[in-house]
Amino acid sequence: MSKISRTPLTEPEINTALAELPGWISTGQKLVKKFQFGNFREALAFIVRVGLEAEGLDHHPEIKNVYNKVELGLNTHDAGGCVTALDTELAKRIEKLTAGRI
């Protein structure tokens, strides 16, 4: 299990994290970002890469996919569905995956 904190973040802490996560928004209970790719194959490859990063953190994001569009929702189930440092860490890793590719 990841040693990253699963303590719920405050709204100011979430806003500070979002300042470093372009395109991510907070819905109050999760961090969300939508991605668009050239085709389904690219979207699916992205989902697999996200899954590998998430598994490495013992995190299980919400993933929605329709053709070339992927929407990710991040919150920590162990923390009652709140946003924690685990979610911001996964979002940072996802950003590294997409750097220059989308």
PDB file of N, CA and C in Angstrom:
ATOM      1  N   MET A   1       0.839  -1.180   0.000  1.00  0.00           N
ATOM      2  CA  MET A   1       0.000   0.000   0.000  1.00  0.00           C
ATOM      3  C   MET A   1       0.886   1.246   0.000  1.00  0.00           C
ATOM      4  N   SER A   2       0.485   2.239  -0.764  1.00  0.00           N
ATOM      5  CA  SER A   2       1.231   3.488  -0.854  1.00  0.00           C
ATOM      6  C   SER A   2       1.289   4.192   0.495  1.00  0.00           C
ATOM      7  N   LYS A   3       2.420   4.824   0.764  1.00  0.00           N
ATOM      8  CA  LYS A   3       2.601   5.554   2.019  1.00  0.00           C
ATOM      9  C   LYS A   3       2.179   7.002   1.895  1.00  0.00           C
ATOM     10  N   ILE A   4       1.620   7.391   0.776  1.00  0.00           N
ATOM     11  CA  ILE A   4       1.140   8.754   0.582  1.00  0.00           C
ATOM     12  C   ILE A   4      -0.121   8.938   1.416  1.00  0.00           C
ATOM     13  N   SER A   5      -0.251  10.103   2.025  1.00  0.00           N
ATOM     14  CA  SER A   5      -1.352  10.382   2.941  1.00  0.00           C
ATOM     15  C   SER A   5      -2.731  10.193   2.297  1.00  0.00           C
ATOM     16  N   ARG A   6      -3.585   9.556   3.053  1.00  0.00           N
ATOM     17  CA  ARG A   6      -4.973   9.366   2.646  1.00  0.00           C
ATOM     18  C   ARG A   6      -5.901  10.189   3.535  1.00  0.00           C
ATOM     19  N   THR A   7      -5.345  11.248   4.116  1.00  0.00           N
ATOM     20  CA  THR A   7      -6.133  12.174   4.924  1.00  0.00           C
ATOM     21  C   THR A   7      -6.787  13.178   3.981  1.00  0.00           C
ATOM     22  N   PRO A   8      -8.081  13.435   4.131  1.00  0.00           N
ATOM     23  CA  PRO A   8      -8.745  14.397   3.238  1.00  0.00           C
ATOM     24  C   PRO A   8      -8.051  15.756   3.243  1.00  0.00           C
ATOM     25  N   LEU A   9      -7.916  16.326   2.039  1.00  0.00           N
ATOM     26  CA  LEU A   9      -7.336  17.658   1.902  1.00  0.00           C
ATOM     27  C   LEU A   9      -8.417  18.711   2.116  1.00  0.00           C
ATOM     28  N   THR A  10      -7.996  19.868   2.593  1.00  0.00           N
ATOM     29  CA  THR A  10      -8.917  20.992   2.737  1.00  0.00           C
ATOM     30  C   THR A  10      -9.107  21.644   1.368  1.00  0.00           C
ATOM     31  N   GLU A  11     -10.104  22.466   1.233  1.00  0.00           N
ATOM     32  CA  GLU A  11     -10.331  23.155  -0.037  1.00  0.00           C
ATOM     33  C   GLU A  11      -9.127  24.006  -0.442  1.00  0.00           C
ATOM     34  N   PRO A  12      -8.517  24.767   0.486  1.00  0.00           N
ATOM     35  CA  PRO A  12      -7.315  25.513   0.089  1.00  0.00           C
ATOM     36  C   PRO A  12      -6.169  24.602  -0.365  1.00  0.00           C
ATOM     37  N   GLU A  13      -6.002  23.454   0.269  1.00  0.00           N
ATOM     38  CA  GLU A  13      -4.957  22.510  -0.144  1.00  0.00           C
ATOM     39  C   GLU A  13      -5.239  21.962  -1.536  1.00  0.00           C
ATOM     40  N   ILE A  14      -6.506  21.687  -1.817  1.00  0.00           N
ATOM     41  CA  ILE A  14      -6.892  21.202  -3.148  1.00  0.00           C
ATOM     42  C   ILE A  14      -6.613  22.287  -4.183  1.00  0.00           C
ATOM     43  N   ASN A  15      -6.980  23.531  -3.877  1.00  0.00           N
ATOM     44  CA  ASN A  15      -6.752  24.634  -4.817  1.00  0.00           C
ATOM     45  C   ASN A  15      -5.273  24.846  -5.081  1.00  0.00           C
ATOM     46  N   THR A  16      -4.442  24.691  -4.065  1.00  0.00           N
ATOM     47  CA  THR A  16      -2.998  24.815  -4.241  1.00  0.00           C
ATOM     48  C   THR A  16      -2.489  23.726  -5.177  1.00  0.00           C
ATOM     49  N   ALA A  17      -2.966  22.510  -4.979  1.00  0.00           N
ATOM     50  CA  ALA A  17      -2.558  21.397  -5.845  1.00  0.00           C
ATOM     51  C   ALA A  17      -3.025  21.622  -7.282  1.00  0.00           C
ATOM     52  N   LEU A  18      -4.248  22.123  -7.457  1.00  0.00           N
ATOM     53  CA  LEU A  18      -4.789  22.343  -8.796  1.00  0.00           C
ATOM     54  C   LEU A  18      -3.987  23.383  -9.574  1.00  0.00           C
ATOM     55  N   ALA A  19      -3.352  24.298  -8.874  1.00  0.00           N
ATOM     56  CA  ALA A  19      -2.540  25.321  -9.537  1.00  0.00           C
ATOM     57  C   ALA A  19      -1.386  24.687 -10.321  1.00  0.00           C
ATOM     58  N   GLU A  20      -0.994  23.478  -9.939  1.00  0.00           N
ATOM     59  CA  GLU A  20       0.096  22.765 -10.615  1.00  0.00           C
ATOM     60  C   GLU A  20      -0.418  21.654 -11.530  1.00  0.00           C
ATOM     61  N   LEU A  21      -1.736  21.579 -11.696  1.00  0.00           N
ATOM     62  CA  LEU A  21      -2.333  20.508 -12.496  1.00  0.00           C
ATOM     63  C   LEU A  21      -3.244  21.108 -13.573  1.00  0.00           C
ATOM     64  N   PRO A  22      -2.669  21.518 -14.697  1.00  0.00           N
ATOM     65  CA  PRO A  22      -3.456  22.186 -15.739  1.00  0.00           C
ATOM     66  C   PRO A  22      -4.603  21.323 -16.249  1.00  0.00           C
ATOM     67  N   GLY A  23      -5.781  21.940 -16.306  1.00  0.00           N
ATOM     68  CA  GLY A  23      -6.957  21.254 -16.843  1.00  0.00           C
ATOM     69  C   GLY A  23      -7.745  20.446 -15.840  1.00  0.00           C
ATOM     70  N   TRP A  24      -7.181  20.202 -14.675  1.00  0.00           N
ATOM     71  CA  TRP A  24      -7.890  19.456 -13.639  1.00  0.00           C
ATOM     72  C   TRP A  24      -8.812  20.413 -12.890  1.00  0.00           C
ATOM     73  N   ILE A  25      -9.985  19.915 -12.511  1.00  0.00           N
ATOM     74  CA  ILE A  25     -10.915  20.704 -11.703  1.00  0.00           C
ATOM     75  C   ILE A  25     -11.326  19.885 -10.492  1.00  0.00           C
ATOM     76  N   SER A  26     -11.840  20.573  -9.496  1.00  0.00           N
ATOM     77  CA  SER A  26     -12.384  19.902  -8.321  1.00  0.00           C
ATOM     78  C   SER A  26     -13.897  20.015  -8.368  1.00  0.00           C
ATOM     79  N   THR A  27     -14.552  18.897  -8.181  1.00  0.00           N
ATOM     80  CA  THR A  27     -16.014  18.903  -8.130  1.00  0.00           C
ATOM     81  C   THR A  27     -16.493  18.909  -6.679  1.00  0.00           C
ATOM     82  N   GLY A  28     -15.570  19.077  -5.759  1.00  0.00           N
ATOM     83  CA  GLY A  28     -15.898  19.041  -4.339  1.00  0.00           C
ATOM     84  C   GLY A  28     -15.484  17.730  -3.713  1.00  0.00           C
ATOM     85  N   GLN A  29     -15.752  16.637  -4.394  1.00  0.00           N
ATOM     86  CA  GLN A  29     -15.411  15.325  -3.861  1.00  0.00           C
ATOM     87  C   GLN A  29     -14.439  14.549  -4.737  1.00  0.00           C
ATOM     88  N   LYS A  30     -14.029  15.151  -5.855  1.00  0.00           N
ATOM     89  CA  LYS A  30     -13.042  14.461  -6.698  1.00  0.00           C
ATOM     90  C   LYS A  30     -12.359  15.452  -7.615  1.00  0.00           C
ATOM     91  N   LEU A  31     -11.193  15.036  -8.092  1.00  0.00           N
ATOM     92  CA  LEU A  31     -10.468  15.775  -9.115  1.00  0.00           C
ATOM     93  C   LEU A  31     -10.845  15.153 -10.454  1.00  0.00           C
ATOM     94  N   VAL A  32     -11.115  15.991 -11.438  1.00  0.00           N
ATOM     95  CA  VAL A  32     -11.596  15.496 -12.731  1.00  0.00           C
ATOM     96  C   VAL A  32     -10.835  16.176 -13.866  1.00  0.00           C
ATOM     97  N   LYS A  33     -10.531  15.391 -14.884  1.00  0.00           N
ATOM     98  CA  LYS A  33      -9.971  15.954 -16.110  1.00  0.00           C
ATOM     99  C   LYS A  33     -10.428  15.113 -17.293  1.00  0.00           C
ATOM    100  N   LYS A  34     -10.704  15.810 -18.404  1.00  0.00           N
ATOM    101  CA  LYS A  34     -11.088  15.150 -19.649  1.00  0.00           C
ATOM    102  C   LYS A  34      -9.927  15.236 -20.633  1.00  0.00           C
ATOM    103  N   PHE A  35      -9.704  14.144 -21.349  1.00  0.00           N
ATOM    104  CA  PHE A  35      -8.631  14.046 -22.324  1.00  0.00           C
ATOM    105  C   PHE A  35      -9.235  13.638 -23.655  1.00  0.00           C
ATOM    106  N   GLN A  36      -8.651  14.118 -24.749  1.00  0.00           N
ATOM    107  CA  GLN A  36      -9.101  13.699 -26.077  1.00  0.00           C
ATOM    108  C   GLN A  36      -7.884  13.272 -26.890  1.00  0.00           C
ATOM    109  N   PHE A  37      -8.044  12.165 -27.591  1.00  0.00           N
ATOM    110  CA  PHE A  37      -6.962  11.567 -28.375  1.00  0.00           C
ATOM    111  C   PHE A  37      -7.360  11.486 -29.841  1.00  0.00           C
ATOM    112  N   GLY A  38      -6.440  11.075 -30.674  1.00  0.00           N
ATOM    113  CA  GLY A  38      -6.697  10.981 -32.104  1.00  0.00           C
ATOM    114  C   GLY A  38      -7.657   9.867 -32.483  1.00  0.00           C
ATOM    115  N   ASN A  39      -7.667   8.806 -31.675  1.00  0.00           N
ATOM    116  CA  ASN A  39      -8.539   7.675 -31.977  1.00  0.00           C
ATOM    117  C   ASN A  39      -8.691   6.793 -30.728  1.00  0.00           C
ATOM    118  N   PHE A  40      -9.455   5.741 -30.865  1.00  0.00           N
ATOM    119  CA  PHE A  40      -9.717   4.849 -29.739  1.00  0.00           C
ATOM    120  C   PHE A  40      -8.451   4.159 -29.255  1.00  0.00           C
ATOM    121  N   ARG A  41      -7.608   3.739 -30.188  1.00  0.00           N
ATOM    122  CA  ARG A  41      -6.380   3.037 -29.812  1.00  0.00           C
ATOM    123  C   ARG A  41      -5.506   3.900 -28.897  1.00  0.00           C
ATOM    124  N   GLU A  42      -5.349   5.174 -29.237  1.00  0.00           N
ATOM    125  CA  GLU A  42      -4.567   6.090 -28.398  1.00  0.00           C
ATOM    126  C   GLU A  42      -5.214   6.270 -27.025  1.00  0.00           C
ATOM    127  N   ALA A  43      -6.526   6.386 -27.016  1.00  0.00           N
ATOM    128  CA  ALA A  43      -7.238   6.537 -25.746  1.00  0.00           C
ATOM    129  C   ALA A  43      -7.051   5.296 -24.881  1.00  0.00           C
ATOM    130  N   LEU A  44      -7.158   4.135 -25.480  1.00  0.00           N
ATOM    131  CA  LEU A  44      -7.008   2.890 -24.743  1.00  0.00           C
ATOM    132  C   LEU A  44      -5.582   2.722 -24.212  1.00  0.00           C
ATOM    133  N   ALA A  45      -4.595   3.085 -25.002  1.00  0.00           N
ATOM    134  CA  ALA A  45      -3.205   3.011 -24.547  1.00  0.00           C
ATOM    135  C   ALA A  45      -2.995   3.931 -23.341  1.00  0.00           C
ATOM    136  N   PHE A  46      -3.597   5.108 -23.373  1.00  0.00           N
ATOM    137  CA  PHE A  46      -3.519   6.036 -22.256  1.00  0.00           C
ATOM    138  C   PHE A  46      -4.154   5.426 -21.010  1.00  0.00           C
ATOM    139  N   ILE A  47      -5.308   4.808 -21.159  1.00  0.00           N
ATOM    140  CA  ILE A  47      -5.999   4.179 -20.026  1.00  0.00           C
ATOM    141  C   ILE A  47      -5.114   3.102 -19.395  1.00  0.00           C
ATOM    142  N   VAL A  48      -4.452   2.322 -20.220  1.00  0.00           N
ATOM    143  CA  VAL A  48      -3.564   1.275 -19.696  1.00  0.00           C
ATOM    144  C   VAL A  48      -2.416   1.902 -18.909  1.00  0.00           C
ATOM    145  N   ARG A  49      -1.815   2.962 -19.441  1.00  0.00           N
ATOM    146  CA  ARG A  49      -0.714   3.624 -18.728  1.00  0.00           C
ATOM    147  C   ARG A  49      -1.188   4.214 -17.401  1.00  0.00           C
ATOM    148  N   VAL A  50      -2.382   4.814 -17.413  1.00  0.00           N
ATOM    149  CA  VAL A  50      -2.952   5.351 -16.164  1.00  0.00           C
ATOM    150  C   VAL A  50      -3.178   4.214 -15.172  1.00  0.00           C
ATOM    151  N   GLY A  51      -3.691   3.106 -15.661  1.00  0.00           N
ATOM    152  CA  GLY A  51      -3.938   1.952 -14.791  1.00  0.00           C
ATOM    153  C   GLY A  51      -2.676   1.438 -14.129  1.00  0.00           C
ATOM    154  N   LEU A  52      -1.587   1.399 -14.868  1.00  0.00           N
ATOM    155  CA  LEU A  52      -0.321   0.934 -14.300  1.00  0.00           C
ATOM    156  C   LEU A  52       0.190   1.902 -13.229  1.00  0.00           C
ATOM    157  N   GLU A  53       0.094   3.196 -13.499  1.00  0.00           N
ATOM    158  CA  GLU A  53       0.493   4.194 -12.490  1.00  0.00           C
ATOM    159  C   GLU A  53      -0.397   4.080 -11.252  1.00  0.00           C
ATOM    160  N   ALA A  54      -1.687   3.948 -11.465  1.00  0.00           N
ATOM    161  CA  ALA A  54      -2.625   3.858 -10.350  1.00  0.00           C
ATOM    162  C   ALA A  54      -2.366   2.617  -9.497  1.00  0.00           C
ATOM    163  N   GLU A  55      -2.154   1.511 -10.146  1.00  0.00           N
ATOM    164  CA  GLU A  55      -1.900   0.267  -9.412  1.00  0.00           C
ATOM    165  C   GLU A  55      -0.642   0.379  -8.566  1.00  0.00           C
ATOM    166  N   GLY A  56       0.362   1.055  -9.092  1.00  0.00           N
ATOM    167  CA  GLY A  56       1.592   1.264  -8.343  1.00  0.00           C
ATOM    168  C   GLY A  56       1.379   2.067  -7.072  1.00  0.00           C
ATOM    169  N   LEU A  57       0.332   2.876  -7.059  1.00  0.00           N
ATOM    170  CA  LEU A  57      -0.002   3.681  -5.875  1.00  0.00           C
ATOM    171  C   LEU A  57      -1.112   3.041  -5.038  1.00  0.00           C
ATOM    172  N   ASP A  58      -1.599   1.872  -5.457  1.00  0.00           N
ATOM    173  CA  ASP A  58      -2.751   1.238  -4.818  1.00  0.00           C
ATOM    174  C   ASP A  58      -3.947   2.189  -4.842  1.00  0.00           C
ATOM    175  N   HIS A  59      -4.165   2.757  -6.020  1.00  0.00           N
ATOM    176  CA  HIS A  59      -5.244   3.720  -6.238  1.00  0.00           C
ATOM    177  C   HIS A  59      -6.154   3.159  -7.320  1.00  0.00           C
ATOM    178  N   HIS A  60      -7.413   3.500  -7.261  1.00  0.00           N
ATOM    179  CA  HIS A  60      -8.358   2.971  -8.242  1.00  0.00           C
ATOM    180  C   HIS A  60      -9.245   4.100  -8.753  1.00  0.00           C
ATOM    181  N   PRO A  61      -8.782   4.785  -9.803  1.00  0.00           N
ATOM    182  CA  PRO A  61      -9.511   5.940 -10.316  1.00  0.00           C
ATOM    183  C   PRO A  61     -10.775   5.544 -11.068  1.00  0.00           C
ATOM    184  N   GLU A  62     -11.650   6.524 -11.199  1.00  0.00           N
ATOM    185  CA  GLU A  62     -12.841   6.374 -12.027  1.00  0.00           C
ATOM    186  C   GLU A  62     -12.413   6.710 -13.452  1.00  0.00           C
ATOM    187  N   ILE A  63     -12.699   5.809 -14.373  1.00  0.00           N
ATOM    188  CA  ILE A  63     -12.284   6.013 -15.765  1.00  0.00           C
ATOM    189  C   ILE A  63     -13.510   5.835 -16.658  1.00  0.00           C
ATOM    190  N   LYS A  64     -13.777   6.859 -17.476  1.00  0.00           N
ATOM    191  CA  LYS A  64     -14.863   6.790 -18.453  1.00  0.00           C
ATOM    192  C   LYS A  64     -14.240   6.966 -19.833  1.00  0.00           C
ATOM    193  N   ASN A  65     -14.671   6.140 -20.779  1.00  0.00           N
ATOM    194  CA  ASN A  65     -14.115   6.205 -22.128  1.00  0.00           C
ATOM    195  C   ASN A  65     -15.221   6.066 -23.153  1.00  0.00           C
ATOM    196  N   VAL A  66     -15.233   6.986 -24.112  1.00  0.00           N
ATOM    197  CA  VAL A  66     -16.087   6.885 -25.289  1.00  0.00           C
ATOM    198  C   VAL A  66     -15.217   7.242 -26.484  1.00  0.00           C
ATOM    199  N   TYR A  67     -14.970   6.258 -27.318  1.00  0.00           N
ATOM    200  CA  TYR A  67     -14.131   6.372 -28.506  1.00  0.00           C
ATOM    201  C   TYR A  67     -12.786   7.009 -28.175  1.00  0.00           C
ATOM    202  N   ASN A  68     -12.580   8.284 -28.543  1.00  0.00           N
ATOM    203  CA  ASN A  68     -11.265   8.908 -28.339  1.00  0.00           C
ATOM    204  C   ASN A  68     -11.235   9.834 -27.124  1.00  0.00           C
ATOM    205  N   LYS A  69     -12.267   9.794 -26.305  1.00  0.00           N
ATOM    206  CA  LYS A  69     -12.358  10.661 -25.132  1.00  0.00           C
ATOM    207  C   LYS A  69     -12.264   9.842 -23.847  1.00  0.00           C
ATOM    208  N   VAL A  70     -11.466  10.353 -22.903  1.00  0.00           N
ATOM    209  CA  VAL A  70     -11.296   9.703 -21.604  1.00  0.00           C
ATOM    210  C   VAL A  70     -11.526  10.753 -20.530  1.00  0.00           C
ATOM    211  N   GLU A  71     -12.328  10.408 -19.546  1.00  0.00           N
ATOM    212  CA  GLU A  71     -12.531  11.278 -18.391  1.00  0.00           C
ATOM    213  C   GLU A  71     -12.075  10.517 -17.148  1.00  0.00           C
ATOM    214  N   LEU A  72     -11.222  11.164 -16.369  1.00  0.00           N
ATOM    215  CA  LEU A  72     -10.722  10.559 -15.140  1.00  0.00           C
ATOM    216  C   LEU A  72     -11.288  11.293 -13.937  1.00  0.00           C
ATOM    217  N   GLY A  73     -11.660  10.527 -12.921  1.00  0.00           N
ATOM    218  CA  GLY A  73     -12.106  11.077 -11.650  1.00  0.00           C
ATOM    219  C   GLY A  73     -11.265  10.467 -10.537  1.00  0.00           C
ATOM    220  N   LEU A  74     -10.657  11.323  -9.731  1.00  0.00           N
ATOM    221  CA  LEU A  74      -9.782  10.847  -8.667  1.00  0.00           C
ATOM    222  C   LEU A  74     -10.303  11.263  -7.300  1.00  0.00           C
ATOM    223  N   ASN A  75     -10.562  10.287  -6.464  1.00  0.00           N
ATOM    224  CA  ASN A  75     -10.792  10.493  -5.040  1.00  0.00           C
ATOM    225  C   ASN A  75     -10.363   9.218  -4.336  1.00  0.00           C
ATOM    226  N   THR A  76     -10.239   9.305  -3.032  1.00  0.00           N
ATOM    227  CA  THR A  76      -9.706   8.174  -2.282  1.00  0.00           C
ATOM    228  C   THR A  76     -10.840   7.484  -1.535  1.00  0.00           C
ATOM    229  N   HIS A  77     -11.146   6.269  -1.939  1.00  0.00           N
ATOM    230  CA  HIS A  77     -12.248   5.518  -1.339  1.00  0.00           C
ATOM    231  C   HIS A  77     -12.017   5.286   0.153  1.00  0.00           C
ATOM    232  N   ASP A  78     -10.752   5.020   0.529  1.00  0.00           N
ATOM    233  CA  ASP A  78     -10.419   4.774   1.942  1.00  0.00           C
ATOM    234  C   ASP A  78     -10.669   5.996   2.819  1.00  0.00           C
ATOM    235  N   ALA A  79     -10.755   7.177   2.199  1.00  0.00           N
ATOM    236  CA  ALA A  79     -10.958   8.428   2.940  1.00  0.00           C
ATOM    237  C   ALA A  79     -12.394   8.907   2.796  1.00  0.00           C
ATOM    238  N   GLY A  80     -13.294   7.966   2.542  1.00  0.00           N
ATOM    239  CA  GLY A  80     -14.701   8.328   2.413  1.00  0.00           C
ATOM    240  C   GLY A  80     -15.036   9.029   1.115  1.00  0.00           C
ATOM    241  N   GLY A  81     -14.213   8.813   0.099  1.00  0.00           N
ATOM    242  CA  GLY A  81     -14.479   9.425  -1.199  1.00  0.00           C
ATOM    243  C   GLY A  81     -14.028  10.873  -1.286  1.00  0.00           C
ATOM    244  N   CYS A  82     -13.123  11.277  -0.422  1.00  0.00           N
ATOM    245  CA  CYS A  82     -12.587  12.641  -0.424  1.00  0.00           C
ATOM    246  C   CYS A  82     -11.300  12.704  -1.236  1.00  0.00           C
ATOM    247  N   VAL A  83     -10.879  13.915  -1.552  1.00  0.00           N
ATOM    248  CA  VAL A  83      -9.615  14.130  -2.243  1.00  0.00           C
ATOM    249  C   VAL A  83      -8.486  14.139  -1.216  1.00  0.00           C
ATOM    250  N   THR A  84      -7.429  13.380  -1.514  1.00  0.00           N
ATOM    251  CA  THR A  84      -6.269  13.292  -0.623  1.00  0.00           C
ATOM    252  C   THR A  84      -4.991  13.529  -1.439  1.00  0.00           C
ATOM    253  N   ALA A  85      -3.869  13.523  -0.749  1.00  0.00           N
ATOM    254  CA  ALA A  85      -2.575  13.660  -1.425  1.00  0.00           C
ATOM    255  C   ALA A  85      -2.342  12.517  -2.410  1.00  0.00           C
ATOM    256  N   LEU A  86      -2.951  11.376  -2.169  1.00  0.00           N
ATOM    257  CA  LEU A  86      -2.838  10.252  -3.093  1.00  0.00           C
ATOM    258  C   LEU A  86      -3.412  10.630  -4.462  1.00  0.00           C
ATOM    259  N   ASP A  87      -4.508  11.352  -4.453  1.00  0.00           N
ATOM    260  CA  ASP A  87      -5.145  11.777  -5.707  1.00  0.00           C
ATOM    261  C   ASP A  87      -4.303  12.810  -6.440  1.00  0.00           C
ATOM    262  N   THR A  88      -3.767  13.761  -5.693  1.00  0.00           N
ATOM    263  CA  THR A  88      -2.935  14.779  -6.354  1.00  0.00           C
ATOM    264  C   THR A  88      -1.650  14.158  -6.892  1.00  0.00           C
ATOM    265  N   GLU A  89      -1.116  13.171  -6.193  1.00  0.00           N
ATOM    266  CA  GLU A  89       0.086  12.487  -6.691  1.00  0.00           C
ATOM    267  C   GLU A  89      -0.212  11.737  -7.986  1.00  0.00           C
ATOM    268  N   LEU A  90      -1.338  11.032  -8.029  1.00  0.00           N
ATOM    269  CA  LEU A  90      -1.685  10.321  -9.260  1.00  0.00           C
ATOM    270  C   LEU A  90      -1.924  11.312 -10.389  1.00  0.00           C
ATOM    271  N   ALA A  91      -2.584  12.429 -10.114  1.00  0.00           N
ATOM    272  CA  ALA A  91      -2.812  13.445 -11.149  1.00  0.00           C
ATOM    273  C   ALA A  91      -1.481  13.957 -11.693  1.00  0.00           C
ATOM    274  N   LYS A  92      -0.499  14.178 -10.821  1.00  0.00           N
ATOM    275  CA  LYS A  92       0.821  14.627 -11.267  1.00  0.00           C
ATOM    276  C   LYS A  92       1.470  13.587 -12.174  1.00  0.00           C
ATOM    277  N   ARG A  93       1.337  12.329 -11.813  1.00  0.00           N
ATOM    278  CA  ARG A  93       1.922  11.257 -12.631  1.00  0.00           C
ATOM    279  C   ARG A  93       1.220  11.154 -13.978  1.00  0.00           C
ATOM    280  N   ILE A  94      -0.081  11.362 -13.986  1.00  0.00           N
ATOM    281  CA  ILE A  94      -0.838  11.339 -15.242  1.00  0.00           C
ATOM    282  C   ILE A  94      -0.381  12.491 -16.130  1.00  0.00           C
ATOM    283  N   GLU A  95      -0.155  13.646 -15.538  1.00  0.00           N
ATOM    284  CA  GLU A  95       0.340  14.785 -16.312  1.00  0.00           C
ATOM    285  C   GLU A  95       1.682  14.462 -16.959  1.00  0.00           C
ATOM    286  N   LYS A  96       2.534  13.762 -16.243  1.00  0.00           N
ATOM    287  CA  LYS A  96       3.833  13.378 -16.819  1.00  0.00           C
ATOM    288  C   LYS A  96       3.630  12.423 -18.004  1.00  0.00           C
ATOM    289  N   LEU A  97       2.630  11.550 -17.903  1.00  0.00           N
ATOM    290  CA  LEU A  97       2.332  10.619 -19.001  1.00  0.00           C
ATOM    291  C   LEU A  97       1.911  11.368 -20.250  1.00  0.00           C
ATOM    292  N   THR A  98       1.197  12.451 -20.072  1.00  0.00           N
ATOM    293  CA  THR A  98       0.609  13.164 -21.212  1.00  0.00           C
ATOM    294  C   THR A  98       1.459  14.328 -21.699  1.00  0.00           C
ATOM    295  N   ALA A  99       2.534  14.624 -21.028  1.00  0.00           N
ATOM    296  CA  ALA A  99       3.364  15.783 -21.398  1.00  0.00           C
ATOM    297  C   ALA A  99       3.747  15.721 -22.883  1.00  0.00           C
ATOM    298  N   GLY A 100       3.272  16.697 -23.621  1.00  0.00           N
ATOM    299  CA  GLY A 100       3.609  16.798 -25.033  1.00  0.00           C
ATOM    300  C   GLY A 100       2.905  15.827 -25.944  1.00  0.00           C
ATOM    301  N   ARG A 101       1.988  15.033 -25.428  1.00  0.00           N
ATOM    302  CA  ARG A 101       1.336  14.016 -26.274  1.00  0.00           C
ATOM    303  C   ARG A 101      -0.111  14.328 -26.607  1.00  0.00           C
ATOM    304  N   ILE A 102      -0.716  15.257 -25.879  1.00  0.00           N
ATOM    305  CA  ILE A 102      -2.153  15.513 -26.122  1.00  0.00           C
ATOM    306  C   ILE A 102      -2.339  16.923 -26.632  1.00  0.00           C
TER     307      ILE A 102
END
